[in-house]
Amino acid sequence: MNFRNAGRAAICMLFVLCTVVTASAATIDATYTYSVTATGDPTSGPLMGNGSGSITPLGVMTWRDVANVNLATGAVTGTFTATFANGTLFGDLLEQADLSAPPTAVPIAQTLVVTGGTGAFLWYNGRLTGGGVANLVSGAPSTNTGAGTLNTTPEPVGIALLPIGLLCLVAYRKLSAQRLNA
């Protein structure tokens, strides 16, 4: 009888710990703005973008991207990295340039698909959409702005509880087995 109650308590504890670890991530609203200068030849390889800006509420960032341009359609695909004082966000950069516009003021629609991060942004993900205007003649920096949502992750302490809970369960089971055999 005592063993059944202990078993039920252990299963209940394990369920609670698993629930804590798999708790849904918080969703935060974010806005971004950054200025970027692209270098490289769009006809022969990737463009490299370097700049700075911010994502609110995360803070000030340094921006880096590597992208390939389809000159026939205006589609731009690549990757980006946004580096903050306490971590990095990275993901896919998707843009669509309106090539029918004058080359000194080309509107660009942009989607940033955040696929992960490091430091304080470990396991972040989400989608930010916006755009800007690029001057393809002068090569002057373009400013992009937008908004969207980012999904955060549960506290790392919650993740640490699972192995601790499992170790406690194993130790409890061993002690229970020793008591039954004695």
Protein backbone atom coordinates (compact mmCIF):
# COMPACT_ATOMS: atom_id res chain seq x y z
CA MET A 1 0.00 0.00 0.00
CA ASN A 2 2.79 2.42 0.96
CA PHE A 3 4.63 1.54 -2.27
CA ARG A 4 1.56 2.44 -4.37
CA ASN A 5 1.25 5.84 -2.74
CA ALA A 6 4.95 6.52 -3.24
CA GLY A 7 4.71 5.46 -6.87
CA ARG A 8 1.76 7.74 -7.46
CA ALA A 9 3.58 10.62 -5.80
CA ALA A 10 6.66 10.03 -7.96
CA ILE A 11 4.60 9.94 -11.15
CA CYS A 12 2.80 13.11 -10.10
CA MET A 13 6.14 14.84 -9.39
CA LEU A 14 7.52 13.76 -12.78
CA PHE A 15 4.39 15.04 -14.54
CA VAL A 16 4.69 18.42 -12.79
CA LEU A 17 8.36 18.71 -13.74
CA CYS A 18 7.65 17.82 -17.37
CA THR A 19 4.85 20.39 -17.44
CA VAL A 20 7.22 23.07 -16.14
CA VAL A 21 9.83 22.21 -18.76
CA THR A 22 7.37 22.15 -21.65
CA ALA A 23 5.50 25.28 -20.58
CA SER A 24 4.64 27.37 -23.59
CA ALA A 25 6.99 30.16 -24.49
CA ALA A 26 6.04 33.76 -23.88
CA THR A 27 5.27 35.87 -26.94
CA ILE A 28 6.60 39.42 -27.04
CA ASP A 29 5.74 42.19 -29.48
CA ALA A 30 8.84 43.62 -31.11
CA THR A 31 9.63 46.52 -33.43
CA TYR A 32 12.86 47.00 -35.31
CA THR A 33 14.79 49.65 -37.15
CA TYR A 34 18.26 49.45 -38.62
CA SER A 35 20.44 51.07 -41.24
CA VAL A 36 22.50 48.81 -43.46
CA THR A 37 25.08 49.24 -46.19
CA ALA A 38 25.38 46.43 -48.73
CA THR A 39 28.64 45.59 -50.44
CA GLY A 40 29.36 43.14 -53.23
CA ASP A 41 28.27 42.53 -56.79
CA PRO A 42 24.67 41.28 -57.06
CA THR A 43 25.44 39.66 -60.44
CA SER A 44 28.23 37.40 -59.18
CA GLY A 45 27.69 36.44 -55.60
CA PRO A 46 26.21 37.31 -52.28
CA LEU A 47 25.80 40.83 -51.01
CA MET A 48 27.13 41.49 -47.53
CA GLY A 49 25.13 43.85 -45.35
CA ASN A 50 26.58 45.62 -42.30
CA GLY A 51 24.77 48.06 -40.10
CA SER A 52 23.32 48.93 -36.74
CA GLY A 53 19.97 49.60 -35.14
CA SER A 54 17.67 48.22 -32.48
CA ILE A 55 14.92 45.76 -31.77
CA THR A 56 12.57 46.99 -29.06
CA PRO A 57 12.41 45.65 -26.32
CA LEU A 58 15.69 43.71 -26.80
CA GLY A 59 18.04 46.67 -27.24
CA VAL A 60 20.72 48.07 -29.53
CA MET A 61 22.21 45.70 -32.10
CA THR A 62 24.85 45.27 -34.75
CA TRP A 63 23.38 43.91 -37.99
CA ARG A 64 25.05 41.51 -40.44
CA ASP A 65 23.49 39.74 -43.41
CA VAL A 66 24.52 37.68 -46.42
CA ALA A 67 22.02 37.61 -49.27
CA ASN A 68 21.65 36.59 -52.89
CA VAL A 69 19.62 38.68 -55.32
CA ASN A 70 17.53 37.41 -58.20
CA LEU A 71 17.87 40.34 -60.61
CA ALA A 72 15.01 39.08 -62.79
CA THR A 73 12.40 39.02 -60.01
CA GLY A 74 13.83 41.27 -57.29
CA ALA A 75 13.69 38.43 -54.74
CA VAL A 76 16.40 38.52 -52.10
CA THR A 77 17.14 35.48 -49.91
CA GLY A 78 19.78 35.11 -47.26
CA THR A 79 20.58 34.96 -43.59
CA PHE A 80 21.00 37.57 -40.88
CA THR A 81 22.61 37.96 -37.49
CA ALA A 82 21.63 40.63 -34.97
CA THR A 83 24.20 40.90 -32.16
CA PHE A 84 23.22 42.50 -28.84
CA ALA A 85 25.21 43.05 -25.65
CA ASN A 86 23.71 39.91 -24.09
CA GLY A 87 23.26 37.56 -27.05
CA THR A 88 22.54 37.08 -30.73
CA LEU A 89 19.46 36.45 -32.86
CA PHE A 90 19.82 34.78 -36.25
CA GLY A 91 17.57 33.55 -39.02
CA ASP A 92 16.41 33.87 -42.61
CA LEU A 93 16.22 37.15 -44.51
CA LEU A 94 13.53 37.33 -47.21
CA GLU A 95 13.06 40.50 -49.25
CA GLN A 96 11.19 41.54 -52.36
CA ALA A 97 12.40 44.61 -54.23
CA ASP A 98 10.03 46.46 -56.56
CA LEU A 99 12.29 46.72 -59.61
CA SER A 100 9.68 48.76 -61.51
CA ALA A 101 10.48 51.72 -59.22
CA PRO A 102 13.20 54.28 -60.02
CA PRO A 103 16.63 52.87 -59.03
CA THR A 104 17.19 55.76 -56.60
CA ALA A 105 14.14 54.79 -54.49
CA VAL A 106 13.41 51.05 -54.67
CA PRO A 107 10.81 49.91 -52.11
CA ILE A 108 11.72 46.68 -50.37
CA ALA A 109 9.28 44.44 -48.49
CA GLN A 110 11.08 42.41 -45.85
CA THR A 111 10.46 39.36 -43.66
CA LEU A 112 12.88 38.33 -40.92
CA VAL A 113 12.29 34.75 -39.79
CA VAL A 114 14.07 34.37 -36.44
CA THR A 115 15.15 30.74 -36.13
CA GLY A 116 17.30 30.89 -32.99
CA GLY A 117 19.67 32.77 -30.79
CA THR A 118 22.47 32.63 -28.28
CA GLY A 119 22.95 33.99 -24.78
CA ALA A 120 19.81 35.64 -23.42
CA PHE A 121 18.02 34.82 -26.71
CA LEU A 122 18.67 31.07 -26.72
CA TRP A 123 15.87 29.26 -28.58
CA TYR A 124 14.07 32.46 -29.58
CA ASN A 125 12.00 32.27 -32.76
CA GLY A 126 9.43 34.38 -34.53
CA ARG A 127 8.65 36.57 -37.51
CA LEU A 128 9.17 40.28 -38.08
CA THR A 129 7.89 42.02 -41.21
CA GLY A 130 8.58 45.46 -42.57
CA GLY A 131 10.61 47.11 -45.25
CA GLY A 132 12.49 50.11 -46.43
CA VAL A 133 13.72 52.00 -49.47
CA ALA A 134 17.07 51.34 -51.15
CA ASN A 135 19.06 53.63 -53.43
CA LEU A 136 20.63 51.24 -55.93
CA VAL A 137 22.56 54.04 -57.65
CA SER A 138 24.45 55.69 -54.80
CA GLY A 139 24.86 52.67 -52.52
CA ALA A 140 23.87 54.84 -49.56
CA PRO A 141 22.73 53.04 -46.41
CA SER A 142 19.09 52.00 -46.41
CA THR A 143 16.92 52.08 -43.32
CA ASN A 144 14.52 49.22 -42.66
CA THR A 145 11.73 49.21 -40.09
CA GLY A 146 9.08 46.73 -39.07
CA ALA A 147 7.33 44.81 -36.34
CA GLY A 148 6.23 41.34 -35.35
CA THR A 149 6.36 38.82 -32.56
CA LEU A 150 9.14 36.82 -30.96
CA ASN A 151 8.61 33.67 -28.92
CA THR A 152 10.82 33.31 -25.89
CA THR A 153 11.61 30.11 -24.04
CA PRO A 154 10.93 28.91 -20.52
CA GLU A 155 13.42 29.88 -17.86
CA PRO A 156 16.60 27.76 -17.98
CA VAL A 157 15.94 26.88 -14.32
CA GLY A 158 12.78 25.06 -15.39
CA ILE A 159 14.75 23.05 -17.92
CA ALA A 160 17.30 22.13 -15.24
CA LEU A 161 14.51 20.74 -13.03
CA LEU A 162 13.83 17.78 -15.34
CA PRO A 163 17.17 15.95 -14.88
CA ILE A 164 17.17 16.79 -11.18
CA GLY A 165 13.65 15.40 -10.84
CA LEU A 166 14.60 12.27 -12.76
CA LEU A 167 17.67 11.73 -10.55
CA CYS A 168 15.51 12.12 -7.45
CA LEU A 169 13.02 9.61 -8.85
CA VAL A 170 15.78 7.07 -9.56
CA ALA A 171 17.28 7.54 -6.10
CA TYR A 172 13.84 7.17 -4.50
CA ARG A 173 13.16 3.98 -6.45
CA LYS A 174 16.51 2.49 -5.40
CA LEU A 175 15.88 3.31 -1.75
CA SER A 176 12.38 1.87 -1.98
CA ALA A 177 13.71 -1.33 -3.54
CA GLN A 178 16.36 -1.67 -0.82
CA ARG A 179 13.72 -1.24 1.90
CA LEU A 180 11.48 -3.88 0.33
CA ASN A 181 14.36 -6.37 0.07
CA ALA A 182 15.51 -5.79 3.65
